[in-house]
């Protein structure tokens, strides 16, 4: 990859490049050598610009929904790998995110037409702020997974509850989910399990310290529920550490249940049944 000029932003218009002190001949040279890439008319990207943002800008908008949240590092519900791009309500000349040709029907691209004013807080070109990306998630998204997205964004300090409340003020569904958040949650799987337990009439305590250990969920004071994130702890040292912790918790009188990412997301009835049986046996 050609060396990138440090002062150049990830995306820039010719006017921005000129303000940085690079005149037209220099701009042409940077483009010729590959340091800058012309994404679409009037927009250039550095050679190391994030590929998904480049695709959104080439189309004519900014990443939103699942696509933006993934770039921000927010936990996202599984099952939607499409490119989500928001464009101005009256946008024209939308381009294919890969070829740059006029945009035609694509099952892997979702265009969101902007229907609300631009937020007062800023974000890099090519991607919307986290609260706006969450606003563009599908309305049919299950409440537990919506809360999990919010927990993740708050846990990573990518936005505040005040910013989220301002973005959600016209949505009862989002406002209700915001009231159920707990930014102590360390994974989307944990958040999903917590909300589903509450909906089932079971009140778990979150991130409880027991002796030297901190557990994901504690129910009825004695049942420990541990949920694995998408990256399962399959290393030998992690496996041994988890087994030693389970043994110590059992010695202290706790019952320990482990559930995987797939179990929580795709086979929750089985998880809930196991938890009910364990509670009945306490």
Foldseek 3Di string as FASTA:
>chain_A
DDDADVVDDQKAFQVVVVVVVQDPVNVVVCCVVQQWDCLDPRMIGGNPRDLLLSLQVLQPFAFAAPRQCVVVVFDAAPDQQATEGEHEQPDPQGAGSPPSHRDDDDPRYHYHYDDDDQDPDDDDRRHHQPLRRLVPYDPPPDLLLSLLRVLRCVLVVSDDLVVNCVSCVVPPSSVVSSVVHDNVQDASLLSSVQVVCVVVVWHWDAQDDDPPDTAGTDTPNAETEHEEHPPGPPDPVSVVVVVVVCVVSVVVPHHYDYYYSCCSNPVVVVVVVVVVVVVVVD
